Amino acid sequence: MWFAYSPNRRGEHPQGHLKSFKGVLQADAYGGFDALYADGTIREAACWAHVRRKFYDLHKAHSSPVVAEALRRIGALYAIETTIRGKPPQERQLARQAQAVPLLASLHNWLQETLRSLWQISALAEAIRYALKLWAALVRYTSDGRIEIDNNAAERSLRTVALGRKNFLFA
């Protein structure tokens, strides 16, 4: 994990910080990272927690069987991660290939079918489009045991910065 402070969220900052980096960048879908992925030297690994959060917020607002099904399917992916946490990367990759890849294929089909039956400007359709737009980056973790299913560890570490920013605003 690596952190670099930037005074604002302009895309020029990650581009400067990561100009010589090659590999996988696991992050949210922040548009400031898009230029980093353009030439292929940095590959995007998207965060399942951000996808899940969109469905979870919908579930809290007004539960529906469709949203519950999305959360159940995503939860099954996390259940696999629970069983392989702390294991060597090769073992994690093999387990993901055997267990998560079929679930992801089914989820992808289900999301596409569900989207066709929804009112296209609904919040649920928006959550599904978000997942589908990031699909290649969301499934990247299955082909590399070093990549996590989400970037929650980094998000937890940054929480103190966000809380401090709010708390020190009036100091």
C-alpha atoms as a PDB file:
ATOM      1  CA  MET A   1       0.000   0.000   0.000  1.00  0.00           C
ATOM      2  CA  TRP A   2       1.246   3.472  -0.852  1.00  0.00           C
ATOM      3  CA  PHE A   3      -0.137   6.925  -0.072  1.00  0.00           C
ATOM      4  CA  ALA A   4       0.702  10.309  -1.536  1.00  0.00           C
ATOM      5  CA  TYR A   5      -0.994  13.511  -0.435  1.00  0.00           C
ATOM      6  CA  SER A   6      -2.476  15.847  -3.032  1.00  0.00           C
ATOM      7  CA  PRO A   7      -4.090  19.167  -2.186  1.00  0.00           C
ATOM      8  CA  ASN A   8      -7.014  18.450  -4.536  1.00  0.00           C
ATOM      9  CA  ARG A   9      -8.484  15.630  -6.640  1.00  0.00           C
ATOM     10  CA  ARG A  10      -7.197  16.694 -10.060  1.00  0.00           C
ATOM     11  CA  GLY A  11      -6.016  13.902 -12.320  1.00  0.00           C
ATOM     12  CA  GLU A  12      -2.615  15.520 -12.748  1.00  0.00           C
ATOM     13  CA  HIS A  13      -1.609  14.379  -9.253  1.00  0.00           C
ATOM     14  CA  PRO A  14      -1.933  10.599  -9.710  1.00  0.00           C
ATOM     15  CA  GLN A  15      -0.384  10.962 -13.157  1.00  0.00           C
ATOM     16  CA  GLY A  16       2.636  12.689 -11.605  1.00  0.00           C
ATOM     17  CA  HIS A  17       2.909  10.367  -8.610  1.00  0.00           C
ATOM     18  CA  LEU A  18       2.659   7.225 -10.749  1.00  0.00           C
ATOM     19  CA  LYS A  19       4.495   8.324 -13.908  1.00  0.00           C
ATOM     20  CA  SER A  20       7.116   5.549 -13.640  1.00  0.00           C
ATOM     21  CA  PHE A  21       4.842   2.875 -12.137  1.00  0.00           C
ATOM     22  CA  LYS A  22       4.051  -0.302 -14.037  1.00  0.00           C
ATOM     23  CA  GLY A  23       1.618  -2.898 -12.734  1.00  0.00           C
ATOM     24  CA  VAL A  24      -1.839  -3.045 -11.226  1.00  0.00           C
ATOM     25  CA  LEU A  25      -3.543  -0.097  -9.555  1.00  0.00           C
ATOM     26  CA  GLN A  26      -6.487  -1.020  -7.380  1.00  0.00           C
ATOM     27  CA  ALA A  27      -8.745   1.939  -6.807  1.00  0.00           C
ATOM     28  CA  ASP A  28     -12.255   3.256  -7.073  1.00  0.00           C
ATOM     29  CA  ALA A  29     -13.575   4.480 -10.407  1.00  0.00           C
ATOM     30  CA  TYR A  30     -12.205   7.998  -9.932  1.00  0.00           C
ATOM     31  CA  GLY A  31     -11.912   9.578 -13.379  1.00  0.00           C
ATOM     32  CA  GLY A  32      -8.539  11.105 -12.514  1.00  0.00           C
ATOM     33  CA  PHE A  33      -6.998   7.645 -12.890  1.00  0.00           C
ATOM     34  CA  ASP A  34      -8.320   7.043 -16.428  1.00  0.00           C
ATOM     35  CA  ALA A  35      -5.271   8.536 -18.154  1.00  0.00           C
ATOM     36  CA  LEU A  36      -3.049   6.137 -16.193  1.00  0.00           C
ATOM     37  CA  TYR A  37      -4.678   3.121 -17.835  1.00  0.00           C
ATOM     38  CA  ALA A  38      -4.530   4.481 -21.395  1.00  0.00           C
ATOM     39  CA  ASP A  39      -1.261   2.906 -22.565  1.00  0.00           C
ATOM     40  CA  GLY A  40      -1.649  -0.384 -20.701  1.00  0.00           C
ATOM     41  CA  THR A  41       1.426  -0.103 -18.479  1.00  0.00           C
ATOM     42  CA  ILE A  42      -0.905   0.320 -15.515  1.00  0.00           C
ATOM     43  CA  ARG A  43      -3.821  -2.089 -15.337  1.00  0.00           C
ATOM     44  CA  GLU A  44      -6.940  -1.184 -13.400  1.00  0.00           C
ATOM     45  CA  ALA A  45      -8.275  -3.451 -10.673  1.00  0.00           C
ATOM     46  CA  ALA A  46     -11.639  -2.123  -9.556  1.00  0.00           C
ATOM     47  CA  CYS A  47     -13.114  -2.388  -6.083  1.00  0.00           C
ATOM     48  CA  TRP A  48     -16.021  -4.718  -5.366  1.00  0.00           C
ATOM     49  CA  ALA A  49     -16.748  -2.833  -2.130  1.00  0.00           C
ATOM     50  CA  HIS A  50     -17.688   0.245  -4.155  1.00  0.00           C
ATOM     51  CA  VAL A  51     -20.045  -1.826  -6.299  1.00  0.00           C
ATOM     52  CA  ARG A  52     -21.524  -3.534  -3.248  1.00  0.00           C
ATOM     53  CA  ARG A  53     -21.994  -0.184  -1.495  1.00  0.00           C
ATOM     54  CA  LYS A  54     -24.207   1.086  -4.324  1.00  0.00           C
ATOM     55  CA  PHE A  55     -26.499  -1.927  -3.918  1.00  0.00           C
ATOM     56  CA  TYR A  56     -26.351  -1.764  -0.120  1.00  0.00           C
ATOM     57  CA  ASP A  57     -27.439   1.886  -0.114  1.00  0.00           C
ATOM     58  CA  LEU A  58     -30.389   0.970  -2.346  1.00  0.00           C
ATOM     59  CA  HIS A  59     -31.244  -1.909  -0.020  1.00  0.00           C
ATOM     60  CA  LYS A  60     -31.265   0.447   2.981  1.00  0.00           C
ATOM     61  CA  ALA A  61     -33.422   2.995   1.162  1.00  0.00           C
ATOM     62  CA  HIS A  62     -36.030   0.563  -0.130  1.00  0.00           C
ATOM     63  CA  SER A  63     -35.383  -3.136  -0.069  1.00  0.00           C
ATOM     64  CA  SER A  64     -36.292  -5.110  -3.156  1.00  0.00           C
ATOM     65  CA  PRO A  65     -35.777  -8.734  -4.182  1.00  0.00           C
ATOM     66  CA  VAL A  66     -33.541  -7.651  -7.072  1.00  0.00           C
ATOM     67  CA  VAL A  67     -31.229  -5.630  -4.827  1.00  0.00           C
ATOM     68  CA  ALA A  68     -31.183  -8.460  -2.274  1.00  0.00           C
ATOM     69  CA  GLU A  69     -30.179 -10.879  -5.025  1.00  0.00           C
ATOM     70  CA  ALA A  70     -27.324  -8.612  -6.133  1.00  0.00           C
ATOM     71  CA  LEU A  71     -26.067  -8.396  -2.548  1.00  0.00           C
ATOM     72  CA  ARG A  72     -26.362 -12.174  -2.123  1.00  0.00           C
ATOM     73  CA  ARG A  73     -24.320 -12.806  -5.267  1.00  0.00           C
ATOM     74  CA  ILE A  74     -21.630 -10.302  -4.281  1.00  0.00           C
ATOM     75  CA  GLY A  75     -21.618 -11.789  -0.778  1.00  0.00           C
ATOM     76  CA  ALA A  76     -20.817 -15.194  -2.262  1.00  0.00           C
ATOM     77  CA  LEU A  77     -17.673 -13.689  -3.810  1.00  0.00           C
ATOM     78  CA  TYR A  78     -16.639 -12.319  -0.423  1.00  0.00           C
ATOM     79  CA  ALA A  79     -17.298 -15.705   1.199  1.00  0.00           C
ATOM     80  CA  ILE A  80     -14.695 -17.220  -1.117  1.00  0.00           C
ATOM     81  CA  GLU A  81     -12.220 -14.518  -0.107  1.00  0.00           C
ATOM     82  CA  THR A  82     -12.800 -15.327   3.560  1.00  0.00           C
ATOM     83  CA  THR A  83     -11.676 -18.913   2.986  1.00  0.00           C
ATOM     84  CA  ILE A  84      -8.466 -17.934   1.137  1.00  0.00           C
ATOM     85  CA  ARG A  85      -7.397 -14.844   3.092  1.00  0.00           C
ATOM     86  CA  GLY A  86      -3.740 -15.019   4.069  1.00  0.00           C
ATOM     87  CA  LYS A  87      -2.939 -17.874   1.683  1.00  0.00           C
ATOM     88  CA  PRO A  88      -0.180 -17.645  -0.945  1.00  0.00           C
ATOM     89  CA  PRO A  89      -1.080 -15.788  -4.168  1.00  0.00           C
ATOM     90  CA  GLN A  90      -0.957 -18.921  -6.353  1.00  0.00           C
ATOM     91  CA  GLU A  91      -3.408 -20.716  -4.061  1.00  0.00           C
ATOM     92  CA  ARG A  92      -5.718 -17.694  -4.003  1.00  0.00           C
ATOM     93  CA  GLN A  93      -5.661 -17.488  -7.801  1.00  0.00           C
ATOM     94  CA  LEU A  94      -6.481 -21.180  -8.203  1.00  0.00           C
ATOM     95  CA  ALA A  95      -9.363 -20.951  -5.733  1.00  0.00           C
ATOM     96  CA  ARG A  96     -10.733 -17.867  -7.469  1.00  0.00           C
ATOM     97  CA  GLN A  97     -10.488 -19.504 -10.884  1.00  0.00           C
ATOM     98  CA  ALA A  98     -12.353 -22.569  -9.642  1.00  0.00           C
ATOM     99  CA  GLN A  99     -14.943 -20.863  -7.454  1.00  0.00           C
ATOM    100  CA  ALA A 100     -15.304 -17.157  -8.224  1.00  0.00           C
ATOM    101  CA  VAL A 101     -15.035 -17.190 -12.029  1.00  0.00           C
ATOM    102  CA  PRO A 102     -18.235 -19.254 -12.495  1.00  0.00           C
ATOM    103  CA  LEU A 103     -20.087 -17.040  -9.989  1.00  0.00           C
ATOM    104  CA  LEU A 104     -18.856 -13.933 -11.786  1.00  0.00           C
ATOM    105  CA  ALA A 105     -19.999 -15.255 -15.174  1.00  0.00           C
ATOM    106  CA  SER A 106     -23.429 -15.932 -13.721  1.00  0.00           C
ATOM    107  CA  LEU A 107     -23.531 -12.521 -12.036  1.00  0.00           C
ATOM    108  CA  HIS A 108     -22.535 -10.772 -15.255  1.00  0.00           C
ATOM    109  CA  ASN A 109     -25.352 -12.486 -17.178  1.00  0.00           C
ATOM    110  CA  TRP A 110     -27.815 -11.741 -14.383  1.00  0.00           C
ATOM    111  CA  LEU A 111     -26.829  -8.059 -14.313  1.00  0.00           C
ATOM    112  CA  GLN A 112     -27.252  -7.730 -18.080  1.00  0.00           C
ATOM    113  CA  GLU A 113     -30.651  -9.480 -18.054  1.00  0.00           C
ATOM    114  CA  THR A 114     -31.840  -7.481 -15.050  1.00  0.00           C
ATOM    115  CA  LEU A 115     -30.758  -4.183 -16.608  1.00  0.00           C
ATOM    116  CA  ARG A 116     -32.868  -4.894 -19.703  1.00  0.00           C
ATOM    117  CA  SER A 117     -35.977  -5.204 -17.533  1.00  0.00           C
ATOM    118  CA  LEU A 118     -35.473  -1.996 -15.538  1.00  0.00           C
ATOM    119  CA  TRP A 119     -36.515   1.576 -15.986  1.00  0.00           C
ATOM    120  CA  GLN A 120     -33.224   2.941 -17.330  1.00  0.00           C
ATOM    121  CA  ILE A 121     -33.060   6.065 -15.198  1.00  0.00           C
ATOM    122  CA  SER A 122     -33.640   4.214 -11.929  1.00  0.00           C
ATOM    123  CA  ALA A 123     -30.984   4.108  -9.217  1.00  0.00           C
ATOM    124  CA  LEU A 124     -30.844   0.322  -9.573  1.00  0.00           C
ATOM    125  CA  ALA A 125     -30.121   0.591 -13.301  1.00  0.00           C
ATOM    126  CA  GLU A 126     -27.387   3.105 -12.483  1.00  0.00           C
ATOM    127  CA  ALA A 127     -25.795   0.710  -9.953  1.00  0.00           C
ATOM    128  CA  ILE A 128     -25.872  -2.117 -12.477  1.00  0.00           C
ATOM    129  CA  ARG A 129     -24.378   0.059 -15.231  1.00  0.00           C
ATOM    130  CA  TYR A 130     -21.593   1.072 -12.845  1.00  0.00           C
ATOM    131  CA  ALA A 131     -20.694  -2.592 -12.284  1.00  0.00           C
ATOM    132  CA  LEU A 132     -20.923  -3.500 -15.959  1.00  0.00           C
ATOM    133  CA  LYS A 133     -18.811  -0.522 -17.032  1.00  0.00           C
ATOM    134  CA  LEU A 134     -16.025  -1.661 -14.693  1.00  0.00           C
ATOM    135  CA  TRP A 135     -16.450  -5.377 -15.350  1.00  0.00           C
ATOM    136  CA  ALA A 136     -13.006  -6.131 -16.813  1.00  0.00           C
ATOM    137  CA  ALA A 137     -11.343  -4.331 -13.894  1.00  0.00           C
ATOM    138  CA  LEU A 138     -13.691  -5.956 -11.355  1.00  0.00           C
ATOM    139  CA  VAL A 139     -12.788  -9.496 -12.438  1.00  0.00           C
ATOM    140  CA  ARG A 140      -9.035  -8.816 -12.734  1.00  0.00           C
ATOM    141  CA  TYR A 141      -8.501 -10.049  -9.153  1.00  0.00           C
ATOM    142  CA  THR A 142      -9.377 -13.583 -10.264  1.00  0.00           C
ATOM    143  CA  SER A 143      -6.333 -13.816 -12.531  1.00  0.00           C
ATOM    144  CA  ASP A 144      -3.763 -12.600 -10.001  1.00  0.00           C
ATOM    145  CA  GLY A 145      -3.672 -13.849  -6.418  1.00  0.00           C
ATOM    146  CA  ARG A 146      -1.836 -10.722  -5.286  1.00  0.00           C
ATOM    147  CA  ILE A 147      -4.820  -8.483  -6.073  1.00  0.00           C
ATOM    148  CA  GLU A 148      -7.527  -8.087  -3.436  1.00  0.00           C
ATOM    149  CA  ILE A 149     -11.252  -8.195  -4.138  1.00  0.00           C
ATOM    150  CA  ASP A 150     -11.494  -4.596  -2.920  1.00  0.00           C
ATOM    151  CA  ASN A 151      -9.365  -1.721  -1.710  1.00  0.00           C
ATOM    152  CA  ASN A 152     -10.930  -1.572   1.753  1.00  0.00           C
ATOM    153  CA  ALA A 153      -7.527  -1.740   3.489  1.00  0.00           C
ATOM    154  CA  ALA A 154      -6.490   1.490   1.779  1.00  0.00           C
ATOM    155  CA  GLU A 155      -9.887   3.057   2.389  1.00  0.00           C
ATOM    156  CA  ARG A 156      -9.647   2.266   6.121  1.00  0.00           C
ATOM    157  CA  SER A 157      -6.175   3.810   6.254  1.00  0.00           C
ATOM    158  CA  LEU A 158      -7.393   6.968   4.540  1.00  0.00           C
ATOM    159  CA  ARG A 159     -10.388   7.306   6.856  1.00  0.00           C
ATOM    160  CA  THR A 160      -8.206   9.018   9.477  1.00  0.00           C
ATOM    161  CA  VAL A 161      -7.200  11.641   6.895  1.00  0.00           C
ATOM    162  CA  ALA A 162     -10.843  12.300   5.993  1.00  0.00           C
ATOM    163  CA  LEU A 163     -11.929  12.452   9.639  1.00  0.00           C
ATOM    164  CA  GLY A 164      -9.022  14.721  10.501  1.00  0.00           C
ATOM    165  CA  ARG A 165      -9.864  17.044   7.623  1.00  0.00           C
ATOM    166  CA  LYS A 166     -13.420  17.395   8.975  1.00  0.00           C
ATOM    167  CA  ASN A 167     -12.379  17.670  12.623  1.00  0.00           C
ATOM    168  CA  PHE A 168      -9.586  20.190  12.042  1.00  0.00           C
ATOM    169  CA  LEU A 169     -11.689  22.386   9.786  1.00  0.00           C
ATOM    170  CA  PHE A 170     -12.752  24.492  12.765  1.00  0.00           C
ATOM    171  CA  ALA A 171      -9.537  24.229  14.818  1.00  0.00           C
END
